[in-house]
Amino acid sequence: MTAPDHLPALWTRLLRDLAARPLPPRRLRSNPRVVKRKMSTFKLTRPHHDRWPQPAARSFRAALALI
């Protein structure tokens, strides 16, 4: 596809292009590990899963510091 000597430049360009358009900030959330499927080995969704507690951290970086 391309010459091996072009790979470092292509890699640098790929990283630069990815960094130019970062993803939007994500909201902090916590999802219970349950499913709505009829036949599953996972736990079923129950009424107490409706108001699942959300993380108290203000940012993703702060949430990682808690771990």
PDB file of N, CA and C in Angstrom:
ATOM      1  N   MET A   1       0.813  -1.199   0.000  1.00  0.00           N
ATOM      2  CA  MET A   1       0.000   0.000   0.000  1.00  0.00           C
ATOM      3  C   MET A   1       0.854   1.260   0.000  1.00  0.00           C
ATOM      4  N   THR A   2       1.820   1.297   0.894  1.00  0.00           N
ATOM      5  CA  THR A   2       2.699   2.461   0.962  1.00  0.00           C
ATOM      6  C   THR A   2       4.111   1.983   1.274  1.00  0.00           C
ATOM      7  N   ALA A   3       5.046   2.808   0.936  1.00  0.00           N
ATOM      8  CA  ALA A   3       6.443   2.447   1.175  1.00  0.00           C
ATOM      9  C   ALA A   3       6.731   2.469   2.679  1.00  0.00           C
ATOM     10  N   PRO A   4       7.538   1.537   3.169  1.00  0.00           N
ATOM     11  CA  PRO A   4       7.845   1.488   4.597  1.00  0.00           C
ATOM     12  C   PRO A   4       8.492   2.763   5.131  1.00  0.00           C
ATOM     13  N   ASP A   5       9.227   3.475   4.291  1.00  0.00           N
ATOM     14  CA  ASP A   5       9.863   4.701   4.781  1.00  0.00           C
ATOM     15  C   ASP A   5       8.853   5.829   4.990  1.00  0.00           C
ATOM     16  N   HIS A   6       7.623   5.703   4.489  1.00  0.00           N
ATOM     17  CA  HIS A   6       6.588   6.718   4.707  1.00  0.00           C
ATOM     18  C   HIS A   6       5.790   6.489   5.990  1.00  0.00           C
ATOM     19  N   LEU A   7       5.933   5.314   6.595  1.00  0.00           N
ATOM     20  CA  LEU A   7       5.127   4.973   7.763  1.00  0.00           C
ATOM     21  C   LEU A   7       5.314   5.925   8.947  1.00  0.00           C
ATOM     22  N   PRO A   8       6.530   6.326   9.320  1.00  0.00           N
ATOM     23  CA  PRO A   8       6.651   7.262  10.447  1.00  0.00           C
ATOM     24  C   PRO A   8       5.923   8.583  10.199  1.00  0.00           C
ATOM     25  N   ALA A   9       6.006   9.104   8.989  1.00  0.00           N
ATOM     26  CA  ALA A   9       5.312  10.359   8.679  1.00  0.00           C
ATOM     27  C   ALA A   9       3.800  10.165   8.709  1.00  0.00           C
ATOM     28  N   LEU A  10       3.324   9.027   8.205  1.00  0.00           N
ATOM     29  CA  LEU A  10       1.885   8.757   8.236  1.00  0.00           C
ATOM     30  C   LEU A  10       1.386   8.593   9.668  1.00  0.00           C
ATOM     31  N   TRP A  11       2.186   7.946  10.495  1.00  0.00           N
ATOM     32  CA  TRP A  11       1.823   7.771  11.906  1.00  0.00           C
ATOM     33  C   TRP A  11       1.728   9.123  12.608  1.00  0.00           C
ATOM     34  N   THR A  12       2.692   9.991  12.361  1.00  0.00           N
ATOM     35  CA  THR A  12       2.678  11.327  12.954  1.00  0.00           C
ATOM     36  C   THR A  12       1.454  12.103  12.492  1.00  0.00           C
ATOM     37  N   ARG A  13       1.137  12.000  11.198  1.00  0.00           N
ATOM     38  CA  ARG A  13      -0.035  12.705  10.673  1.00  0.00           C
ATOM     39  C   ARG A  13      -1.323  12.154  11.288  1.00  0.00           C
ATOM     40  N   LEU A  14      -1.407  10.840  11.449  1.00  0.00           N
ATOM     41  CA  LEU A  14      -2.581  10.237  12.069  1.00  0.00           C
ATOM     42  C   LEU A  14      -2.786  10.770  13.482  1.00  0.00           C
ATOM     43  N   LEU A  15      -1.731  10.790  14.281  1.00  0.00           N
ATOM     44  CA  LEU A  15      -1.832  11.293  15.653  1.00  0.00           C
ATOM     45  C   LEU A  15      -2.211  12.766  15.680  1.00  0.00           C
ATOM     46  N   ARG A  16      -1.645  13.550  14.769  1.00  0.00           N
ATOM     47  CA  ARG A  16      -1.971  14.975  14.699  1.00  0.00           C
ATOM     48  C   ARG A  16      -3.442  15.178  14.317  1.00  0.00           C
ATOM     49  N   ASP A  17      -3.938  14.400  13.354  1.00  0.00           N
ATOM     50  CA  ASP A  17      -5.337  14.517  12.937  1.00  0.00           C
ATOM     51  C   ASP A  17      -6.293  14.099  14.054  1.00  0.00           C
ATOM     52  N   LEU A  18      -5.942  13.053  14.783  1.00  0.00           N
ATOM     53  CA  LEU A  18      -6.785  12.627  15.898  1.00  0.00           C
ATOM     54  C   LEU A  18      -6.815  13.666  17.013  1.00  0.00           C
ATOM     55  N   ALA A  19      -5.682  14.279  17.285  1.00  0.00           N
ATOM     56  CA  ALA A  19      -5.615  15.284  18.346  1.00  0.00           C
ATOM     57  C   ALA A  19      -6.315  16.577  17.949  1.00  0.00           C
ATOM     58  N   ALA A  20      -6.459  16.823  16.654  1.00  0.00           N
ATOM     59  CA  ALA A  20      -7.089  18.063  16.196  1.00  0.00           C
ATOM     60  C   ALA A  20      -8.582  18.082  16.497  1.00  0.00           C
ATOM     61  N   ARG A  21      -9.212  16.905  16.565  1.00  0.00           N
ATOM     62  CA  ARG A  21     -10.647  16.846  16.828  1.00  0.00           C
ATOM     63  C   ARG A  21     -10.917  15.941  18.027  1.00  0.00           C
ATOM     64  N   PRO A  22     -10.708  16.441  19.256  1.00  0.00           N
ATOM     65  CA  PRO A  22     -10.960  15.593  20.426  1.00  0.00           C
ATOM     66  C   PRO A  22     -12.460  15.346  20.605  1.00  0.00           C
ATOM     67  N   LEU A  23     -12.776  14.287  21.305  1.00  0.00           N
ATOM     68  CA  LEU A  23     -14.168  13.968  21.587  1.00  0.00           C
ATOM     69  C   LEU A  23     -14.755  14.988  22.553  1.00  0.00           C
ATOM     70  N   PRO A  24     -16.066  15.228  22.496  1.00  0.00           N
ATOM     71  CA  PRO A  24     -16.687  16.148  23.454  1.00  0.00           C
ATOM     72  C   PRO A  24     -16.624  15.559  24.862  1.00  0.00           C
ATOM     73  N   PRO A  25     -16.685  16.412  25.882  1.00  0.00           N
ATOM     74  CA  PRO A  25     -16.633  15.903  27.255  1.00  0.00           C
ATOM     75  C   PRO A  25     -17.800  14.957  27.529  1.00  0.00           C
ATOM     76  N   ARG A  26     -17.517  13.905  28.267  1.00  0.00           N
ATOM     77  CA  ARG A  26     -18.557  12.937  28.606  1.00  0.00           C
ATOM     78  C   ARG A  26     -19.127  13.257  29.971  1.00  0.00           C
ATOM     79  N   ARG A  27     -20.423  13.016  30.123  1.00  0.00           N
ATOM     80  CA  ARG A  27     -21.014  13.214  31.442  1.00  0.00           C
ATOM     81  C   ARG A  27     -20.661  12.011  32.312  1.00  0.00           C
ATOM     82  N   LEU A  28     -20.497  12.255  33.588  1.00  0.00           N
ATOM     83  CA  LEU A  28     -20.186  11.181  34.518  1.00  0.00           C
ATOM     84  C   LEU A  28     -21.453  10.389  34.792  1.00  0.00           C
ATOM     85  N   ARG A  29     -21.391   9.085  34.671  1.00  0.00           N
ATOM     86  CA  ARG A  29     -22.547   8.254  34.956  1.00  0.00           C
ATOM     87  C   ARG A  29     -22.092   6.861  35.345  1.00  0.00           C
ATOM     88  N   SER A  30     -22.964   6.197  36.021  1.00  0.00           N
ATOM     89  CA  SER A  30     -22.695   4.834  36.452  1.00  0.00           C
ATOM     90  C   SER A  30     -23.892   3.983  36.063  1.00  0.00           C
ATOM     91  N   ASN A  31     -23.652   2.906  35.359  1.00  0.00           N
ATOM     92  CA  ASN A  31     -24.737   2.034  34.922  1.00  0.00           C
ATOM     93  C   ASN A  31     -24.683   0.716  35.679  1.00  0.00           C
ATOM     94  N   PRO A  32     -25.821   0.277  36.208  1.00  0.00           N
ATOM     95  CA  PRO A  32     -25.831  -1.041  36.835  1.00  0.00           C
ATOM     96  C   PRO A  32     -25.641  -2.124  35.793  1.00  0.00           C
ATOM     97  N   ARG A  33     -25.053  -3.217  36.187  1.00  0.00           N
ATOM     98  CA  ARG A  33     -24.791  -4.321  35.266  1.00  0.00           C
ATOM     99  C   ARG A  33     -26.010  -5.241  35.196  1.00  0.00           C
ATOM    100  N   VAL A  34     -27.049  -4.751  34.531  1.00  0.00           N
ATOM    101  CA  VAL A  34     -28.264  -5.541  34.358  1.00  0.00           C
ATOM    102  C   VAL A  34     -28.712  -5.447  32.911  1.00  0.00           C
ATOM    103  N   VAL A  35     -29.542  -6.389  32.495  1.00  0.00           N
ATOM    104  CA  VAL A  35     -30.039  -6.421  31.122  1.00  0.00           C
ATOM    105  C   VAL A  35     -31.551  -6.582  31.129  1.00  0.00           C
ATOM    106  N   LYS A  36     -32.184  -6.222  30.015  1.00  0.00           N
ATOM    107  CA  LYS A  36     -33.633  -6.340  29.879  1.00  0.00           C
ATOM    108  C   LYS A  36     -34.035  -7.575  29.077  1.00  0.00           C
ATOM    109  N   ARG A  37     -33.123  -8.401  28.718  1.00  0.00           N
ATOM    110  CA  ARG A  37     -33.399  -9.582  27.902  1.00  0.00           C
ATOM    111  C   ARG A  37     -34.172 -10.641  28.694  1.00  0.00           C
ATOM    112  N   LYS A  38     -34.990 -11.382  27.989  1.00  0.00           N
ATOM    113  CA  LYS A  38     -35.798 -12.406  28.639  1.00  0.00           C
ATOM    114  C   LYS A  38     -34.938 -13.559  29.150  1.00  0.00           C
ATOM    115  N   MET A  39     -34.071 -14.079  28.306  1.00  0.00           N
ATOM    116  CA  MET A  39     -33.255 -15.233  28.671  1.00  0.00           C
ATOM    117  C   MET A  39     -31.788 -14.809  28.736  1.00  0.00           C
ATOM    118  N   SER A  40     -31.311 -14.522  29.923  1.00  0.00           N
ATOM    119  CA  SER A  40     -29.934 -14.087  30.085  1.00  0.00           C
ATOM    120  C   SER A  40     -29.395 -14.613  31.404  1.00  0.00           C
ATOM    121  N   THR A  41     -28.090 -14.787  31.463  1.00  0.00           N
ATOM    122  CA  THR A  41     -27.466 -15.217  32.712  1.00  0.00           C
ATOM    123  C   THR A  41     -27.131 -14.037  33.614  1.00  0.00           C
ATOM    124  N   PHE A  42     -27.284 -12.799  33.104  1.00  0.00           N
ATOM    125  CA  PHE A  42     -27.035 -11.612  33.910  1.00  0.00           C
ATOM    126  C   PHE A  42     -28.249 -11.307  34.782  1.00  0.00           C
ATOM    127  N   LYS A  43     -28.053 -10.485  35.798  1.00  0.00           N
ATOM    128  CA  LYS A  43     -29.153 -10.097  36.670  1.00  0.00           C
ATOM    129  C   LYS A  43     -30.188  -9.285  35.891  1.00  0.00           C
ATOM    130  N   LEU A  44     -31.445  -9.401  36.294  1.00  0.00           N
ATOM    131  CA  LEU A  44     -32.516  -8.673  35.627  1.00  0.00           C
ATOM    132  C   LEU A  44     -32.631  -7.255  36.164  1.00  0.00           C
ATOM    133  N   THR A  45     -33.183  -6.361  35.354  1.00  0.00           N
ATOM    134  CA  THR A  45     -33.445  -4.996  35.780  1.00  0.00           C
ATOM    135  C   THR A  45     -34.580  -5.011  36.799  1.00  0.00           C
ATOM    136  N   ARG A  46     -34.367  -4.376  37.922  1.00  0.00           N
ATOM    137  CA  ARG A  46     -35.362  -4.310  38.987  1.00  0.00           C
ATOM    138  C   ARG A  46     -35.701  -2.847  39.274  1.00  0.00           C
ATOM    139  N   PRO A  47     -36.800  -2.583  40.007  1.00  0.00           N
ATOM    140  CA  PRO A  47     -37.183  -1.185  40.281  1.00  0.00           C
ATOM    141  C   PRO A  47     -36.099  -0.373  40.990  1.00  0.00           C
ATOM    142  N   HIS A  48     -35.280  -0.998  41.832  1.00  0.00           N
ATOM    143  CA  HIS A  48     -34.257  -0.221  42.538  1.00  0.00           C
ATOM    144  C   HIS A  48     -33.125   0.232  41.607  1.00  0.00           C
ATOM    145  N   HIS A  49     -33.115  -0.212  40.356  1.00  0.00           N
ATOM    146  CA  HIS A  49     -32.117   0.252  39.400  1.00  0.00           C
ATOM    147  C   HIS A  49     -32.519   1.568  38.738  1.00  0.00           C
ATOM    148  N   ASP A  50     -33.755   2.031  38.949  1.00  0.00           N
ATOM    149  CA  ASP A  50     -34.227   3.261  38.305  1.00  0.00           C
ATOM    150  C   ASP A  50     -33.448   4.487  38.754  1.00  0.00           C
ATOM    151  N   ARG A  51     -33.159   4.592  40.017  1.00  0.00           N
ATOM    152  CA  ARG A  51     -32.470   5.770  40.568  1.00  0.00           C
ATOM    153  C   ARG A  51     -31.076   5.382  41.035  1.00  0.00           C
ATOM    154  N   TRP A  52     -30.270   4.878  40.113  1.00  0.00           N
ATOM    155  CA  TRP A  52     -28.922   4.430  40.441  1.00  0.00           C
ATOM    156  C   TRP A  52     -28.069   5.625  40.837  1.00  0.00           C
ATOM    157  N   PRO A  53     -27.292   5.563  41.927  1.00  0.00           N
ATOM    158  CA  PRO A  53     -26.479   6.714  42.351  1.00  0.00           C
ATOM    159  C   PRO A  53     -25.423   7.060  41.309  1.00  0.00           C
ATOM    160  N   GLN A  54     -25.253   8.343  41.070  1.00  0.00           N
ATOM    161  CA  GLN A  54     -24.292   8.827  40.097  1.00  0.00           C
ATOM    162  C   GLN A  54     -23.009   9.246  40.809  1.00  0.00           C
ATOM    163  N   PRO A  55     -21.883   9.247  40.115  1.00  0.00           N
ATOM    164  CA  PRO A  55     -20.620   9.659  40.734  1.00  0.00           C
ATOM    165  C   PRO A  55     -20.676  11.114  41.194  1.00  0.00           C
ATOM    166  N   ALA A  56     -20.029  11.396  42.300  1.00  0.00           N
ATOM    167  CA  ALA A  56     -20.025  12.748  42.846  1.00  0.00           C
ATOM    168  C   ALA A  56     -18.878  13.585  42.292  1.00  0.00           C
ATOM    169  N   ALA A  57     -17.934  12.979  41.613  1.00  0.00           N
ATOM    170  CA  ALA A  57     -16.785  13.718  41.088  1.00  0.00           C
ATOM    171  C   ALA A  57     -17.231  14.710  40.021  1.00  0.00           C
ATOM    172  N   ARG A  58     -16.511  15.810  39.897  1.00  0.00           N
ATOM    173  CA  ARG A  58     -16.865  16.857  38.943  1.00  0.00           C
ATOM    174  C   ARG A  58     -16.274  16.619  37.561  1.00  0.00           C
ATOM    175  N   SER A  59     -15.227  15.830  37.467  1.00  0.00           N
ATOM    176  CA  SER A  59     -14.584  15.621  36.172  1.00  0.00           C
ATOM    177  C   SER A  59     -14.113  14.173  36.062  1.00  0.00           C
ATOM    178  N   PHE A  60     -13.831  13.780  34.840  1.00  0.00           N
ATOM    179  CA  PHE A  60     -13.330  12.428  34.602  1.00  0.00           C
ATOM    180  C   PHE A  60     -11.984  12.237  35.282  1.00  0.00           C
ATOM    181  N   ARG A  61     -11.132  13.268  35.235  1.00  0.00           N
ATOM    182  CA  ARG A  61      -9.813  13.188  35.872  1.00  0.00           C
ATOM    183  C   ARG A  61      -9.961  13.006  37.383  1.00  0.00           C
ATOM    184  N   ALA A  62     -10.925  13.709  37.994  1.00  0.00           N
ATOM    185  CA  ALA A  62     -11.151  13.560  39.431  1.00  0.00           C
ATOM    186  C   ALA A  62     -11.678  12.164  39.755  1.00  0.00           C
ATOM    187  N   ALA A  63     -12.505  11.624  38.874  1.00  0.00           N
ATOM    188  CA  ALA A  63     -13.018  10.273  39.094  1.00  0.00           C
ATOM    189  C   ALA A  63     -11.891   9.252  39.025  1.00  0.00           C
ATOM    190  N   LEU A  64     -10.951   9.438  38.124  1.00  0.00           N
ATOM    191  CA  LEU A  64      -9.816   8.525  38.031  1.00  0.00           C
ATOM    192  C   LEU A  64      -8.933   8.616  39.262  1.00  0.00           C
ATOM    193  N   ALA A  65      -8.844   9.806  39.856  1.00  0.00           N
ATOM    194  CA  ALA A  65      -8.032   9.966  41.053  1.00  0.00           C
ATOM    195  C   ALA A  65      -8.618   9.164  42.211  1.00  0.00           C
ATOM    196  N   LEU A  66      -9.928   8.935  42.193  1.00  0.00           N
ATOM    197  CA  LEU A  66     -10.560   8.159  43.254  1.00  0.00           C
ATOM    198  C   LEU A  66     -10.179   6.691  43.182  1.00  0.00           C
ATOM    199  N   ILE A  67      -9.911   6.208  41.989  1.00  0.00           N
ATOM    200  CA  ILE A  67      -9.560   4.803  41.805  1.00  0.00           C
ATOM    201  C   ILE A  67      -8.138   4.615  42.260  1.00  0.00           C
TER     202      ILE A  67
END
